[in-house]
Amino acid sequence: MSTPEALLHGAVATGPEATTKPDAATDAEAVASADALATEDLDLLLTIRHFERKLLALFAAGHIPGTTHTCLGQEYVPVAMRPFLADAFVFSNHRGHGHYLAKFDDPAGLLAEITGRAGAVCGGVGGSQHVYRDGFCSTGVQGESLPVALGVAMHRRTSGRHGLVAAYIGDGTWGQGVVYETLNLAALWRAPLLVLVENNGIAQTTPIERHLSGTIAGRAAAFGVRYVPIDTSHIPEIRDRLAEPVAATLRGEGPLVVEFTTARLGPHSKGDDTRPPEVVRRLAERDWCAQYAARCPAEFEAADARARDRIEAVARDVLARPLAGWPQ
């Protein structure tokens, strides 16, 4: 089972029950076992991580036109949301590669799109930020997706299609008036809409304390919209916390704002990181990837090698393809 109802009724494993262990070594084994992720989740996390790293290398080598924004540090958000959004229409933003890969697990199609090669998702004309595929749409315009997502949510309801619509936004998007117009109508119409906020604390180069007064929770409350804060990167715990609130939205109890307190490890796009090096270093030390590697080293090493080899093979294949032709 992969629906929110299934998650609500215990389909997500959160690790074995604690048992009495005779020594510290076996205590550590028990902790690692309880923290261990499902193989498919870990593989997807690391596929996104290596995809983003490869993009930066390809950009530096001149293979990517325009710009690109990576989600390094934020990979766990779309992976945690994946079972909730299997049948949802997902609206993404400029930092959306992880959202796409969690939805479709299609690194070749996405890399072909970003590099303008044959087999591209949108014929190579959308690039990194503007990707459309059935059930998925990304845009680089801040806040643009929210009213469209609300429209799709209401269309699904009036046409008899049961399901969710989700829109990923960042903390910086809360400076756009269209966010509040959407929340107002979504609350009035009890729309099946999830607003998934990836709050990495910095809007391009502006820290959140310089661009956001009050709180995101307070802004949701002003419209009577339910709100759930997520301050962990542990995927089973995230799913457990969200199972009932997401199921409530499916039942017709109105929109939901989920705020993920997360971290952006890389620059806004390529080389435009104005944060002090020590700030970025501290974020990297708390990164889910480093922490998981320390807790479950053998499992992590094997999965990391699988993901790295997969993305290297994808890159070789895609770069050997001809340039994409303009779609007719």
C-alpha atoms as a PDB file:
ATOM      1  CA  MET A   1       0.000   0.000   0.000  1.00  0.00           C
ATOM      2  CA  SER A   2       1.295   3.476  -0.853  1.00  0.00           C
ATOM      3  CA  THR A   3      -1.656   5.811  -0.300  1.00  0.00           C
ATOM      4  CA  PRO A   4      -1.947   8.228   2.623  1.00  0.00           C
ATOM      5  CA  GLU A   5      -4.647   5.941   4.036  1.00  0.00           C
ATOM      6  CA  ALA A   6      -2.228   3.022   3.863  1.00  0.00           C
ATOM      7  CA  LEU A   7       0.425   5.046   5.648  1.00  0.00           C
ATOM      8  CA  LEU A   8      -2.146   6.017   8.265  1.00  0.00           C
ATOM      9  CA  HIS A   9      -2.892   2.366   8.945  1.00  0.00           C
ATOM     10  CA  GLY A  10       0.669   1.318   9.531  1.00  0.00           C
ATOM     11  CA  ALA A  11       2.096   0.425   6.149  1.00  0.00           C
ATOM     12  CA  VAL A  12       5.265   2.408   6.891  1.00  0.00           C
ATOM     13  CA  ALA A  13       7.868   0.555   8.921  1.00  0.00           C
ATOM     14  CA  THR A  14       9.747   2.677  11.421  1.00  0.00           C
ATOM     15  CA  GLY A  15      12.289   0.031  12.436  1.00  0.00           C
ATOM     16  CA  PRO A  16      12.228  -3.016  14.690  1.00  0.00           C
ATOM     17  CA  GLU A  17      11.111  -2.815  18.287  1.00  0.00           C
ATOM     18  CA  ALA A  18      13.852  -2.221  20.789  1.00  0.00           C
ATOM     19  CA  THR A  19      15.184  -5.357  22.427  1.00  0.00           C
ATOM     20  CA  THR A  20      17.552  -5.906  25.338  1.00  0.00           C
ATOM     21  CA  LYS A  21      21.149  -6.238  24.169  1.00  0.00           C
ATOM     22  CA  PRO A  22      23.995  -7.642  26.206  1.00  0.00           C
ATOM     23  CA  ASP A  23      26.693  -5.099  25.315  1.00  0.00           C
ATOM     24  CA  ALA A  24      27.391  -1.721  23.764  1.00  0.00           C
ATOM     25  CA  ALA A  25      28.298  -3.158  20.370  1.00  0.00           C
ATOM     26  CA  THR A  26      24.938  -4.838  19.967  1.00  0.00           C
ATOM     27  CA  ASP A  27      23.232  -1.707  21.311  1.00  0.00           C
ATOM     28  CA  ALA A  28      24.837   0.208  18.438  1.00  0.00           C
ATOM     29  CA  GLU A  29      23.653  -2.462  16.003  1.00  0.00           C
ATOM     30  CA  ALA A  30      20.108  -2.069  17.278  1.00  0.00           C
ATOM     31  CA  VAL A  31      20.222   1.705  16.830  1.00  0.00           C
ATOM     32  CA  ALA A  32      21.565   1.336  13.286  1.00  0.00           C
ATOM     33  CA  SER A  33      18.870  -1.208  12.479  1.00  0.00           C
ATOM     34  CA  ALA A  34      16.133   1.087  13.789  1.00  0.00           C
ATOM     35  CA  ASP A  35      17.543   3.993  11.758  1.00  0.00           C
ATOM     36  CA  ALA A  36      17.968   1.992   8.554  1.00  0.00           C
ATOM     37  CA  LEU A  37      16.017   3.207   5.536  1.00  0.00           C
ATOM     38  CA  ALA A  38      14.195   1.058   3.028  1.00  0.00           C
ATOM     39  CA  THR A  39      16.556   0.230   0.169  1.00  0.00           C
ATOM     40  CA  GLU A  40      14.397   2.001  -2.420  1.00  0.00           C
ATOM     41  CA  ASP A  41      14.360   5.180  -0.316  1.00  0.00           C
ATOM     42  CA  LEU A  42      18.116   5.205   0.214  1.00  0.00           C
ATOM     43  CA  ASP A  43      18.768   4.436  -3.450  1.00  0.00           C
ATOM     44  CA  LEU A  44      16.519   7.311  -4.524  1.00  0.00           C
ATOM     45  CA  LEU A  45      18.076   9.730  -2.041  1.00  0.00           C
ATOM     46  CA  LEU A  46      21.539   8.983  -3.346  1.00  0.00           C
ATOM     47  CA  THR A  47      20.431   8.964  -6.976  1.00  0.00           C
ATOM     48  CA  ILE A  48      19.234  12.548  -6.505  1.00  0.00           C
ATOM     49  CA  ARG A  49      22.443  13.486  -4.643  1.00  0.00           C
ATOM     50  CA  HIS A  50      24.705  12.126  -7.387  1.00  0.00           C
ATOM     51  CA  PHE A  51      22.505  13.556 -10.140  1.00  0.00           C
ATOM     52  CA  GLU A  52      22.863  17.044  -8.671  1.00  0.00           C
ATOM     53  CA  ARG A  53      26.598  16.683  -8.182  1.00  0.00           C
ATOM     54  CA  LYS A  54      26.961  15.517 -11.765  1.00  0.00           C
ATOM     55  CA  LEU A  55      24.980  18.514 -12.999  1.00  0.00           C
ATOM     56  CA  LEU A  56      27.421  20.892 -11.347  1.00  0.00           C
ATOM     57  CA  ALA A  57      30.352  19.050 -12.919  1.00  0.00           C
ATOM     58  CA  LEU A  58      28.690  19.096 -16.345  1.00  0.00           C
ATOM     59  CA  PHE A  59      27.903  22.779 -16.015  1.00  0.00           C
ATOM     60  CA  ALA A  60      31.546  23.516 -15.179  1.00  0.00           C
ATOM     61  CA  ALA A  61      32.576  21.508 -18.246  1.00  0.00           C
ATOM     62  CA  GLY A  62      30.278  23.528 -20.521  1.00  0.00           C
ATOM     63  CA  HIS A  63      27.656  20.866 -21.218  1.00  0.00           C
ATOM     64  CA  ILE A  64      24.690  22.750 -19.732  1.00  0.00           C
ATOM     65  CA  PRO A  65      23.347  25.975 -21.251  1.00  0.00           C
ATOM     66  CA  GLY A  66      21.611  28.611 -19.175  1.00  0.00           C
ATOM     67  CA  THR A  67      21.530  27.918 -15.454  1.00  0.00           C
ATOM     68  CA  THR A  68      20.670  25.185 -12.993  1.00  0.00           C
ATOM     69  CA  HIS A  69      19.660  25.052  -9.323  1.00  0.00           C
ATOM     70  CA  THR A  70      20.444  21.961  -7.284  1.00  0.00           C
ATOM     71  CA  CYS A  71      18.593  20.592  -4.264  1.00  0.00           C
ATOM     72  CA  LEU A  72      21.706  19.336  -2.453  1.00  0.00           C
ATOM     73  CA  GLY A  73      20.736  18.857   1.193  1.00  0.00           C
ATOM     74  CA  GLN A  74      17.001  18.803   0.488  1.00  0.00           C
ATOM     75  CA  GLU A  75      16.755  15.414  -1.246  1.00  0.00           C
ATOM     76  CA  TYR A  76      14.892  13.748   1.622  1.00  0.00           C
ATOM     77  CA  VAL A  77      11.852  16.024   1.241  1.00  0.00           C
ATOM     78  CA  PRO A  78      10.512  14.657  -2.080  1.00  0.00           C
ATOM     79  CA  VAL A  79      11.626  11.137  -1.165  1.00  0.00           C
ATOM     80  CA  ALA A  80       9.611  11.295   2.060  1.00  0.00           C
ATOM     81  CA  MET A  81       6.607  12.652   0.144  1.00  0.00           C
ATOM     82  CA  ARG A  82       6.813  10.076  -2.618  1.00  0.00           C
ATOM     83  CA  PRO A  83       4.167   7.595  -1.385  1.00  0.00           C
ATOM     84  CA  PHE A  84       1.715  10.413  -0.647  1.00  0.00           C
ATOM     85  CA  LEU A  85       2.083  11.870  -4.142  1.00  0.00           C
ATOM     86  CA  ALA A  86       2.055   8.719  -6.280  1.00  0.00           C
ATOM     87  CA  ASP A  87      -1.264   9.717  -7.888  1.00  0.00           C
ATOM     88  CA  ALA A  88      -1.027  13.462  -7.257  1.00  0.00           C
ATOM     89  CA  PHE A  89      -0.353  16.255  -9.707  1.00  0.00           C
ATOM     90  CA  VAL A  90       2.923  17.801  -8.530  1.00  0.00           C
ATOM     91  CA  PHE A  91       3.878  21.415  -9.178  1.00  0.00           C
ATOM     92  CA  SER A  92       7.553  22.155  -8.708  1.00  0.00           C
ATOM     93  CA  ASN A  93       9.844  25.170  -8.763  1.00  0.00           C
ATOM     94  CA  HIS A  94      13.299  26.204  -9.942  1.00  0.00           C
ATOM     95  CA  ARG A  95      14.948  23.755  -7.520  1.00  0.00           C
ATOM     96  CA  GLY A  96      12.896  20.822  -8.735  1.00  0.00           C
ATOM     97  CA  HIS A  97      15.177  18.029  -9.977  1.00  0.00           C
ATOM     98  CA  GLY A  98      14.587  15.994  -6.825  1.00  0.00           C
ATOM     99  CA  HIS A  99      10.829  16.497  -7.125  1.00  0.00           C
ATOM    100  CA  TYR A 100      10.911  15.138 -10.682  1.00  0.00           C
ATOM    101  CA  LEU A 101      13.152  12.184  -9.866  1.00  0.00           C
ATOM    102  CA  ALA A 102      11.012  11.221  -6.867  1.00  0.00           C
ATOM    103  CA  LYS A 103       7.953  11.261  -9.117  1.00  0.00           C
ATOM    104  CA  PHE A 104       9.356   9.414 -12.136  1.00  0.00           C
ATOM    105  CA  ASP A 105      12.842   8.005 -11.328  1.00  0.00           C
ATOM    106  CA  ASP A 106      13.938   9.109 -14.795  1.00  0.00           C
ATOM    107  CA  PRO A 107      17.428  10.626 -14.568  1.00  0.00           C
ATOM    108  CA  ALA A 108      18.145  10.013 -18.265  1.00  0.00           C
ATOM    109  CA  GLY A 109      15.104  11.928 -19.491  1.00  0.00           C
ATOM    110  CA  LEU A 110      15.780  14.807 -17.112  1.00  0.00           C
ATOM    111  CA  LEU A 111      19.489  15.032 -17.912  1.00  0.00           C
ATOM    112  CA  ALA A 112      18.672  14.953 -21.628  1.00  0.00           C
ATOM    113  CA  GLU A 113      16.273  17.848 -21.068  1.00  0.00           C
ATOM    114  CA  ILE A 114      18.821  19.895 -19.149  1.00  0.00           C
ATOM    115  CA  THR A 115      21.593  19.263 -21.699  1.00  0.00           C
ATOM    116  CA  GLY A 116      19.311  19.558 -24.746  1.00  0.00           C
ATOM    117  CA  ARG A 117      19.858  16.006 -25.973  1.00  0.00           C
ATOM    118  CA  ALA A 118      17.674  13.454 -27.728  1.00  0.00           C
ATOM    119  CA  GLY A 119      15.202  11.750 -25.423  1.00  0.00           C
ATOM    120  CA  ALA A 120      14.588  14.944 -23.438  1.00  0.00           C
ATOM    121  CA  VAL A 121      11.359  15.142 -21.451  1.00  0.00           C
ATOM    122  CA  CYS A 122      10.257  18.342 -23.209  1.00  0.00           C
ATOM    123  CA  GLY A 123      12.316  18.128 -26.366  1.00  0.00           C
ATOM    124  CA  GLY A 124      15.132  20.088 -24.764  1.00  0.00           C
ATOM    125  CA  VAL A 125      13.261  23.408 -24.744  1.00  0.00           C
ATOM    126  CA  GLY A 126      12.331  23.491 -21.037  1.00  0.00           C
ATOM    127  CA  GLY A 127      15.776  23.008 -19.586  1.00  0.00           C
ATOM    128  CA  SER A 128      16.404  22.771 -15.871  1.00  0.00           C
ATOM    129  CA  GLN A 129      13.508  24.855 -14.557  1.00  0.00           C
ATOM    130  CA  HIS A 130      10.545  24.376 -16.882  1.00  0.00           C
ATOM    131  CA  VAL A 131       9.657  20.702 -17.142  1.00  0.00           C
ATOM    132  CA  TYR A 132       6.254  19.311 -18.029  1.00  0.00           C
ATOM    133  CA  ARG A 133       5.171  15.700 -17.964  1.00  0.00           C
ATOM    134  CA  ASP A 134       1.801  14.156 -17.212  1.00  0.00           C
ATOM    135  CA  GLY A 135       1.222  14.835 -13.519  1.00  0.00           C
ATOM    136  CA  PHE A 136       4.209  17.167 -13.147  1.00  0.00           C
ATOM    137  CA  CYS A 137       4.974  20.795 -13.981  1.00  0.00           C
ATOM    138  CA  SER A 138       7.848  22.988 -12.811  1.00  0.00           C
ATOM    139  CA  THR A 139       8.419  26.706 -13.211  1.00  0.00           C
ATOM    140  CA  GLY A 140      11.135  29.159 -12.316  1.00  0.00           C
ATOM    141  CA  VAL A 141       8.640  31.944 -11.552  1.00  0.00           C
ATOM    142  CA  GLN A 142       8.161  32.293  -7.797  1.00  0.00           C
ATOM    143  CA  GLY A 143       4.563  31.632  -6.699  1.00  0.00           C
ATOM    144  CA  GLU A 144       3.303  31.040 -10.237  1.00  0.00           C
ATOM    145  CA  SER A 145       2.382  27.416  -9.606  1.00  0.00           C
ATOM    146  CA  LEU A 146       0.141  27.965  -6.575  1.00  0.00           C
ATOM    147  CA  PRO A 147      -3.004  29.389  -8.250  1.00  0.00           C
ATOM    148  CA  VAL A 148      -2.596  26.902 -11.090  1.00  0.00           C
ATOM    149  CA  ALA A 149      -2.311  24.072  -8.564  1.00  0.00           C
ATOM    150  CA  LEU A 150      -5.510  25.258  -6.907  1.00  0.00           C
ATOM    151  CA  GLY A 151      -7.251  25.291 -10.273  1.00  0.00           C
ATOM    152  CA  VAL A 152      -6.111  21.752 -11.024  1.00  0.00           C
ATOM    153  CA  ALA A 153      -7.228  20.618  -7.565  1.00  0.00           C
ATOM    154  CA  MET A 154     -10.716  22.032  -8.091  1.00  0.00           C
ATOM    155  CA  HIS A 155     -10.912  20.607 -11.610  1.00  0.00           C
ATOM    156  CA  ARG A 156     -10.056  17.177 -10.271  1.00  0.00           C
ATOM    157  CA  ARG A 157     -12.770  17.465  -7.659  1.00  0.00           C
ATOM    158  CA  THR A 158     -15.486  18.703 -10.019  1.00  0.00           C
ATOM    159  CA  SER A 159     -14.597  16.082 -12.646  1.00  0.00           C
ATOM    160  CA  GLY A 160     -14.909  13.274 -10.115  1.00  0.00           C
ATOM    161  CA  ARG A 161     -11.196  12.466  -9.879  1.00  0.00           C
ATOM    162  CA  HIS A 162     -10.154  11.658  -6.337  1.00  0.00           C
ATOM    163  CA  GLY A 163      -6.666  12.753  -5.422  1.00  0.00           C
ATOM    164  CA  LEU A 164      -4.275  15.421  -4.254  1.00  0.00           C
ATOM    165  CA  VAL A 165      -2.482  18.289  -5.896  1.00  0.00           C
ATOM    166  CA  ALA A 166       0.837  19.368  -4.361  1.00  0.00           C
ATOM    167  CA  ALA A 167       2.868  22.524  -4.882  1.00  0.00           C
ATOM    168  CA  TYR A 168       6.479  22.842  -3.708  1.00  0.00           C
ATOM    169  CA  ILE A 169       7.567  26.349  -2.749  1.00  0.00           C
ATOM    170  CA  GLY A 170      10.424  27.883  -0.765  1.00  0.00           C
ATOM    171  CA  ASP A 171      10.555  30.348   2.102  1.00  0.00           C
ATOM    172  CA  GLY A 172      11.213  33.176  -0.355  1.00  0.00           C
ATOM    173  CA  THR A 173       7.947  32.521  -2.195  1.00  0.00           C
ATOM    174  CA  TRP A 174       5.997  33.812   0.814  1.00  0.00           C
ATOM    175  CA  GLY A 175       6.847  37.314  -0.385  1.00  0.00           C
ATOM    176  CA  GLN A 176       4.464  36.838  -3.340  1.00  0.00           C
ATOM    177  CA  GLY A 177       0.881  38.047  -2.936  1.00  0.00           C
ATOM    178  CA  VAL A 178      -0.491  35.203  -5.017  1.00  0.00           C
ATOM    179  CA  VAL A 179       0.377  32.821  -2.157  1.00  0.00           C
ATOM    180  CA  TYR A 180      -2.234  34.483   0.029  1.00  0.00           C
ATOM    181  CA  GLU A 181      -4.871  34.684  -2.691  1.00  0.00           C
ATOM    182  CA  THR A 182      -4.443  30.956  -3.178  1.00  0.00           C
ATOM    183  CA  LEU A 183      -4.608  30.128   0.538  1.00  0.00           C
ATOM    184  CA  ASN A 184      -7.740  32.219   0.894  1.00  0.00           C
ATOM    185  CA  LEU A 185      -9.629  30.439  -1.887  1.00  0.00           C
ATOM    186  CA  ALA A 186      -8.229  27.005  -1.063  1.00  0.00           C
ATOM    187  CA  ALA A 187      -9.485  27.334   2.507  1.00  0.00           C
ATOM    188  CA  LEU A 188     -12.908  28.607   1.399  1.00  0.00           C
ATOM    189  CA  TRP A 189     -13.279  25.780  -1.104  1.00  0.00           C
ATOM    190  CA  ARG A 190     -11.642  23.123   1.097  1.00  0.00           C
ATOM    191  CA  ALA A 191      -9.407  22.213  -1.827  1.00  0.00           C
ATOM    192  CA  PRO A 192      -7.357  18.977  -1.837  1.00  0.00           C
ATOM    193  CA  LEU A 193      -4.155  21.004  -1.985  1.00  0.00           C
ATOM    194  CA  LEU A 194      -0.816  20.427  -0.265  1.00  0.00           C
ATOM    195  CA  VAL A 195       1.560  23.365  -0.011  1.00  0.00           C
ATOM    196  CA  LEU A 196       4.989  21.879   0.635  1.00  0.00           C
ATOM    197  CA  VAL A 197       7.396  24.508   1.904  1.00  0.00           C
ATOM    198  CA  GLU A 198      11.117  23.758   1.689  1.00  0.00           C
ATOM    199  CA  ASN A 199      12.380  26.388   4.111  1.00  0.00           C
ATOM    200  CA  ASN A 200      16.151  26.379   3.689  1.00  0.00           C
ATOM    201  CA  GLY A 201      16.489  29.724   5.431  1.00  0.00           C
ATOM    202  CA  ILE A 202      17.729  31.718   2.453  1.00  0.00           C
ATOM    203  CA  ALA A 203      15.928  33.154  -0.574  1.00  0.00           C
ATOM    204  CA  GLN A 204      18.590  33.228  -3.286  1.00  0.00           C
ATOM    205  CA  THR A 205      21.091  35.296  -1.254  1.00  0.00           C
ATOM    206  CA  THR A 206      18.755  36.849   1.345  1.00  0.00           C
ATOM    207  CA  PRO A 207      18.545  35.199   4.799  1.00  0.00           C
ATOM    208  CA  ILE A 208      15.033  34.527   6.043  1.00  0.00           C
ATOM    209  CA  GLU A 209      15.336  36.980   8.938  1.00  0.00           C
ATOM    210  CA  ARG A 210      15.714  39.753   6.357  1.00  0.00           C
ATOM    211  CA  HIS A 211      12.753  38.856   4.139  1.00  0.00           C
ATOM    212  CA  LEU A 212      10.063  37.166   6.279  1.00  0.00           C
ATOM    213  CA  SER A 213       8.295  38.808   9.215  1.00  0.00           C
ATOM    214  CA  GLY A 214       6.326  36.586  11.555  1.00  0.00           C
ATOM    215  CA  THR A 215       6.175  32.886  10.758  1.00  0.00           C
ATOM    216  CA  ILE A 216       4.884  30.623   8.031  1.00  0.00           C
ATOM    217  CA  ALA A 217       2.747  28.910  10.658  1.00  0.00           C
ATOM    218  CA  GLY A 218       1.162  32.255  11.529  1.00  0.00           C
ATOM    219  CA  ARG A 219       0.459  33.033   7.906  1.00  0.00           C
ATOM    220  CA  ALA A 220      -1.267  29.684   7.393  1.00  0.00           C
ATOM    221  CA  ALA A 221      -3.281  30.210  10.578  1.00  0.00           C
ATOM    222  CA  ALA A 222      -4.511  33.589   9.314  1.00  0.00           C
ATOM    223  CA  PHE A 223      -6.476  31.722   6.645  1.00  0.00           C
ATOM    224  CA  GLY A 224      -7.533  28.836   8.868  1.00  0.00           C
ATOM    225  CA  VAL A 225      -5.268  26.461   6.945  1.00  0.00           C
ATOM    226  CA  ARG A 226      -3.910  23.436   8.783  1.00  0.00           C
ATOM    227  CA  TYR A 227      -0.147  23.446   9.273  1.00  0.00           C
ATOM    228  CA  VAL A 228       2.457  20.792  10.130  1.00  0.00           C
ATOM    229  CA  PRO A 229       6.113  21.604  10.873  1.00  0.00           C
ATOM    230  CA  ILE A 230       8.759  19.019   9.958  1.00  0.00           C
ATOM    231  CA  ASP A 231      12.134  19.461  11.631  1.00  0.00           C
ATOM    232  CA  THR A 232      13.664  16.057  10.905  1.00  0.00           C
ATOM    233  CA  SER A 233      15.204  14.426   7.838  1.00  0.00           C
ATOM    234  CA  HIS A 234      14.322  10.893   8.949  1.00  0.00           C
ATOM    235  CA  ILE A 235      11.962   9.634   6.281  1.00  0.00           C
ATOM    236  CA  PRO A 236       9.909   7.113   8.316  1.00  0.00           C
ATOM    237  CA  GLU A 237       9.290   9.739  10.994  1.00  0.00           C
ATOM    238  CA  ILE A 238       8.219  12.319   8.403  1.00  0.00           C
ATOM    239  CA  ARG A 239       5.751   9.909   6.862  1.00  0.00           C
ATOM    240  CA  ASP A 240       4.378   8.978  10.240  1.00  0.00           C
ATOM    241  CA  ARG A 241       3.810  12.631  11.173  1.00  0.00           C
ATOM    242  CA  LEU A 242       2.109  13.435   7.868  1.00  0.00           C
ATOM    243  CA  ALA A 243      -0.068  10.357   7.403  1.00  0.00           C
ATOM    244  CA  GLU A 244      -3.140  11.676   9.203  1.00  0.00           C
ATOM    245  CA  PRO A 245      -2.947  15.339   8.070  1.00  0.00           C
ATOM    246  CA  VAL A 246      -2.563  14.286   4.419  1.00  0.00           C
ATOM    247  CA  ALA A 247      -5.384  11.762   4.766  1.00  0.00           C
ATOM    248  CA  ALA A 248      -7.560  14.559   6.194  1.00  0.00           C
ATOM    249  CA  THR A 249      -6.947  16.656   3.083  1.00  0.00           C
ATOM    250  CA  LEU A 250      -7.979  13.682   0.963  1.00  0.00           C
ATOM    251  CA  ARG A 251     -11.165  13.363   3.043  1.00  0.00           C
ATOM    252  CA  GLY A 252     -12.130  16.912   2.142  1.00  0.00           C
ATOM    253  CA  GLU A 253     -10.954  18.753   5.254  1.00  0.00           C
ATOM    254  CA  GLY A 254      -9.166  21.433   3.285  1.00  0.00           C
ATOM    255  CA  PRO A 255      -5.644  22.399   2.294  1.00  0.00           C
ATOM    256  CA  LEU A 256      -2.516  21.656   4.288  1.00  0.00           C
ATOM    257  CA  VAL A 257       0.733  23.623   4.613  1.00  0.00           C
ATOM    258  CA  VAL A 258       3.764  21.487   5.492  1.00  0.00           C
ATOM    259  CA  GLU A 259       6.924  23.375   6.409  1.00  0.00           C
ATOM    260  CA  PHE A 260      10.177  21.437   6.126  1.00  0.00           C
ATOM    261  CA  THR A 261      13.029  23.108   7.959  1.00  0.00           C
ATOM    262  CA  THR A 262      15.866  22.058   5.693  1.00  0.00           C
ATOM    263  CA  ALA A 263      19.246  23.208   4.398  1.00  0.00           C
ATOM    264  CA  ARG A 264      20.618  24.216   1.027  1.00  0.00           C
ATOM    265  CA  LEU A 265      24.183  22.937   0.861  1.00  0.00           C
ATOM    266  CA  GLY A 266      25.093  24.491  -2.450  1.00  0.00           C
ATOM    267  CA  PRO A 267      24.806  27.989  -3.914  1.00  0.00           C
ATOM    268  CA  HIS A 268      21.568  29.437  -5.236  1.00  0.00           C
ATOM    269  CA  SER A 269      22.493  28.294  -8.729  1.00  0.00           C
ATOM    270  CA  LYS A 270      26.207  27.690  -9.411  1.00  0.00           C
ATOM    271  CA  GLY A 271      28.660  30.097  -7.828  1.00  0.00           C
ATOM    272  CA  ASP A 272      26.496  32.712  -6.150  1.00  0.00           C
ATOM    273  CA  ASP A 273      26.681  31.639  -2.512  1.00  0.00           C
ATOM    274  CA  THR A 274      27.140  34.669  -0.273  1.00  0.00           C
ATOM    275  CA  ARG A 275      27.011  32.763   3.014  1.00  0.00           C
ATOM    276  CA  PRO A 276      30.184  32.613   5.121  1.00  0.00           C
ATOM    277  CA  PRO A 277      32.126  29.361   4.574  1.00  0.00           C
ATOM    278  CA  GLU A 278      31.728  28.333   8.215  1.00  0.00           C
ATOM    279  CA  VAL A 279      27.930  28.509   7.891  1.00  0.00           C
ATOM    280  CA  VAL A 280      27.970  26.192   4.883  1.00  0.00           C
ATOM    281  CA  ARG A 281      30.412  23.879   6.670  1.00  0.00           C
ATOM    282  CA  ARG A 282      28.124  23.564   9.690  1.00  0.00           C
ATOM    283  CA  LEU A 283      25.186  22.775   7.432  1.00  0.00           C
ATOM    284  CA  ALA A 284      27.219  20.066   5.701  1.00  0.00           C
ATOM    285  CA  GLU A 285      28.104  18.518   9.051  1.00  0.00           C
ATOM    286  CA  ARG A 286      24.394  18.203   9.863  1.00  0.00           C
ATOM    287  CA  ASP A 287      23.480  16.964   6.393  1.00  0.00           C
ATOM    288  CA  TRP A 288      21.296  13.842   6.294  1.00  0.00           C
ATOM    289  CA  CYS A 289      23.831  12.163   3.998  1.00  0.00           C
ATOM    290  CA  ALA A 290      26.796  12.524   6.340  1.00  0.00           C
ATOM    291  CA  GLN A 291      24.733  11.501   9.339  1.00  0.00           C
ATOM    292  CA  TYR A 292      23.355   8.408   7.656  1.00  0.00           C
ATOM    293  CA  ALA A 293      26.785   7.372   6.420  1.00  0.00           C
ATOM    294  CA  ALA A 294      28.017   7.527  10.017  1.00  0.00           C
ATOM    295  CA  ARG A 295      25.069   5.555  11.420  1.00  0.00           C
ATOM    296  CA  CYS A 296      24.859   2.829   8.754  1.00  0.00           C
ATOM    297  CA  PRO A 297      28.244   2.810   6.983  1.00  0.00           C
ATOM    298  CA  ALA A 298      28.053  -0.549   5.203  1.00  0.00           C
ATOM    299  CA  GLU A 299      24.555   0.006   3.879  1.00  0.00           C
ATOM    300  CA  PHE A 300      25.393   3.569   2.861  1.00  0.00           C
ATOM    301  CA  GLU A 301      28.605   2.612   1.056  1.00  0.00           C
ATOM    302  CA  ALA A 302      26.844  -0.017  -1.055  1.00  0.00           C
ATOM    303  CA  ALA A 303      23.941   2.263  -1.946  1.00  0.00           C
ATOM    304  CA  ASP A 304      26.238   5.192  -2.663  1.00  0.00           C
ATOM    305  CA  ALA A 305      28.266   3.095  -5.104  1.00  0.00           C
ATOM    306  CA  ARG A 306      25.082   1.934  -6.866  1.00  0.00           C
ATOM    307  CA  ALA A 307      23.789   5.471  -7.264  1.00  0.00           C
ATOM    308  CA  ARG A 308      27.138   6.892  -8.363  1.00  0.00           C
ATOM    309  CA  ASP A 309      27.608   4.177 -10.995  1.00  0.00           C
ATOM    310  CA  ARG A 310      24.054   4.621 -12.242  1.00  0.00           C
ATOM    311  CA  ILE A 311      24.383   8.368 -12.731  1.00  0.00           C
ATOM    312  CA  GLU A 312      27.804   8.061 -14.370  1.00  0.00           C
ATOM    313  CA  ALA A 313      26.325   5.561 -16.842  1.00  0.00           C
ATOM    314  CA  VAL A 314      23.345   7.838 -17.489  1.00  0.00           C
ATOM    315  CA  ALA A 315      25.641  10.800 -18.143  1.00  0.00           C
ATOM    316  CA  ARG A 316      27.786   8.838 -20.596  1.00  0.00           C
ATOM    317  CA  ASP A 317      24.708   7.692 -22.476  1.00  0.00           C
ATOM    318  CA  VAL A 318      23.020  11.095 -22.612  1.00  0.00           C
ATOM    319  CA  LEU A 319      26.115  13.040 -23.658  1.00  0.00           C
ATOM    320  CA  ALA A 320      26.684  10.597 -26.508  1.00  0.00           C
ATOM    321  CA  ARG A 321      23.246  11.378 -27.950  1.00  0.00           C
ATOM    322  CA  PRO A 322      22.630  13.955 -30.678  1.00  0.00           C
ATOM    323  CA  LEU A 323      21.179  17.326 -29.825  1.00  0.00           C
ATOM    324  CA  ALA A 324      17.419  17.396 -29.480  1.00  0.00           C
ATOM    325  CA  GLY A 325      15.468  18.773 -32.426  1.00  0.00           C
ATOM    326  CA  TRP A 326      12.735  21.348 -31.938  1.00  0.00           C
ATOM    327  CA  PRO A 327       9.535  19.360 -31.256  1.00  0.00           C
ATOM    328  CA  GLN A 328       6.947  19.477 -34.049  1.00  0.00           C
END
